[in-house]
Amino acid sequence: MTLESLHELLASFWTVWAVIIFLLIAFWALRPRNRKRFEKDARIPLDDDR
């Protein structure tokens, strides 16, 4: 196995790994259980309860 083919293999694995991580984060963020938390956090700049 040459260094160039090893580089191509590692680049492919990195791409697959990055896509998997992105999909997991998107799944976590879009879960219905997190909706209230994100809505509450989105109102932080608008709240004047200081």
C-alpha atoms as a PDB file:
ATOM      1  CA  MET A   1       0.000   0.000   0.000  1.00  0.00           C
ATOM      2  CA  THR A   2       1.493   3.276  -1.075  1.00  0.00           C
ATOM      3  CA  LEU A   3       1.323   6.495   0.844  1.00  0.00           C
ATOM      4  CA  GLU A   4      -0.983   8.021  -1.777  1.00  0.00           C
ATOM      5  CA  SER A   5      -3.504   5.176  -1.568  1.00  0.00           C
ATOM      6  CA  LEU A   6      -3.396   5.344   2.226  1.00  0.00           C
ATOM      7  CA  HIS A   7      -4.144   9.063   2.033  1.00  0.00           C
ATOM      8  CA  GLU A   8      -7.142   8.427  -0.229  1.00  0.00           C
ATOM      9  CA  LEU A   9      -8.444   5.735   2.121  1.00  0.00           C
ATOM     10  CA  LEU A  10      -8.105   7.977   5.185  1.00  0.00           C
ATOM     11  CA  ALA A  11      -9.747  10.885   3.350  1.00  0.00           C
ATOM     12  CA  SER A  12     -12.717   8.646   2.519  1.00  0.00           C
ATOM     13  CA  PHE A  13     -13.028   7.483   6.122  1.00  0.00           C
ATOM     14  CA  TRP A  14     -12.845  11.095   7.343  1.00  0.00           C
ATOM     15  CA  THR A  15     -15.639  12.128   4.982  1.00  0.00           C
ATOM     16  CA  VAL A  16     -17.885   9.280   6.129  1.00  0.00           C
ATOM     17  CA  TRP A  17     -17.089  10.046   9.791  1.00  0.00           C
ATOM     18  CA  ALA A  18     -17.911  13.754   9.342  1.00  0.00           C
ATOM     19  CA  VAL A  19     -21.254  12.960   7.683  1.00  0.00           C
ATOM     20  CA  ILE A  20     -22.177  10.540  10.482  1.00  0.00           C
ATOM     21  CA  ILE A  21     -21.325  13.133  13.154  1.00  0.00           C
ATOM     22  CA  PHE A  22     -23.344  15.791  11.301  1.00  0.00           C
ATOM     23  CA  LEU A  23     -26.375  13.494  11.045  1.00  0.00           C
ATOM     24  CA  LEU A  24     -26.188  12.618  14.744  1.00  0.00           C
ATOM     25  CA  ILE A  25     -26.055  16.290  15.736  1.00  0.00           C
ATOM     26  CA  ALA A  26     -28.945  17.132  13.403  1.00  0.00           C
ATOM     27  CA  PHE A  27     -30.985  14.225  14.813  1.00  0.00           C
ATOM     28  CA  TRP A  28     -30.318  15.417  18.370  1.00  0.00           C
ATOM     29  CA  ALA A  29     -31.216  19.022  17.552  1.00  0.00           C
ATOM     30  CA  LEU A  30     -34.451  18.145  15.765  1.00  0.00           C
ATOM     31  CA  ARG A  31     -35.814  15.768  18.376  1.00  0.00           C
ATOM     32  CA  PRO A  32     -39.226  16.888  19.685  1.00  0.00           C
ATOM     33  CA  ARG A  33     -37.966  16.570  23.256  1.00  0.00           C
ATOM     34  CA  ASN A  34     -35.531  19.462  22.676  1.00  0.00           C
ATOM     35  CA  ARG A  35     -38.099  21.824  21.154  1.00  0.00           C
ATOM     36  CA  LYS A  36     -39.136  23.564  24.398  1.00  0.00           C
ATOM     37  CA  ARG A  37     -35.518  24.024  25.452  1.00  0.00           C
ATOM     38  CA  PHE A  38     -34.554  25.642  22.141  1.00  0.00           C
ATOM     39  CA  GLU A  39     -37.640  27.867  22.148  1.00  0.00           C
ATOM     40  CA  LYS A  40     -36.786  28.998  25.675  1.00  0.00           C
ATOM     41  CA  ASP A  41     -33.153  29.627  24.724  1.00  0.00           C
ATOM     42  CA  ALA A  42     -34.213  31.584  21.624  1.00  0.00           C
ATOM     43  CA  ARG A  43     -36.160  34.022  23.834  1.00  0.00           C
ATOM     44  CA  ILE A  44     -33.170  34.837  26.074  1.00  0.00           C
ATOM     45  CA  PRO A  45     -32.216  38.038  24.185  1.00  0.00           C
ATOM     46  CA  LEU A  46     -35.818  39.231  24.261  1.00  0.00           C
ATOM     47  CA  ASP A  47     -36.472  38.687  27.961  1.00  0.00           C
ATOM     48  CA  ASP A  48     -36.202  41.773  30.168  1.00  0.00           C
ATOM     49  CA  ASP A  49     -36.295  39.920  33.515  1.00  0.00           C
ATOM     50  CA  ARG A  50     -32.910  41.169  34.655  1.00  0.00           C
END
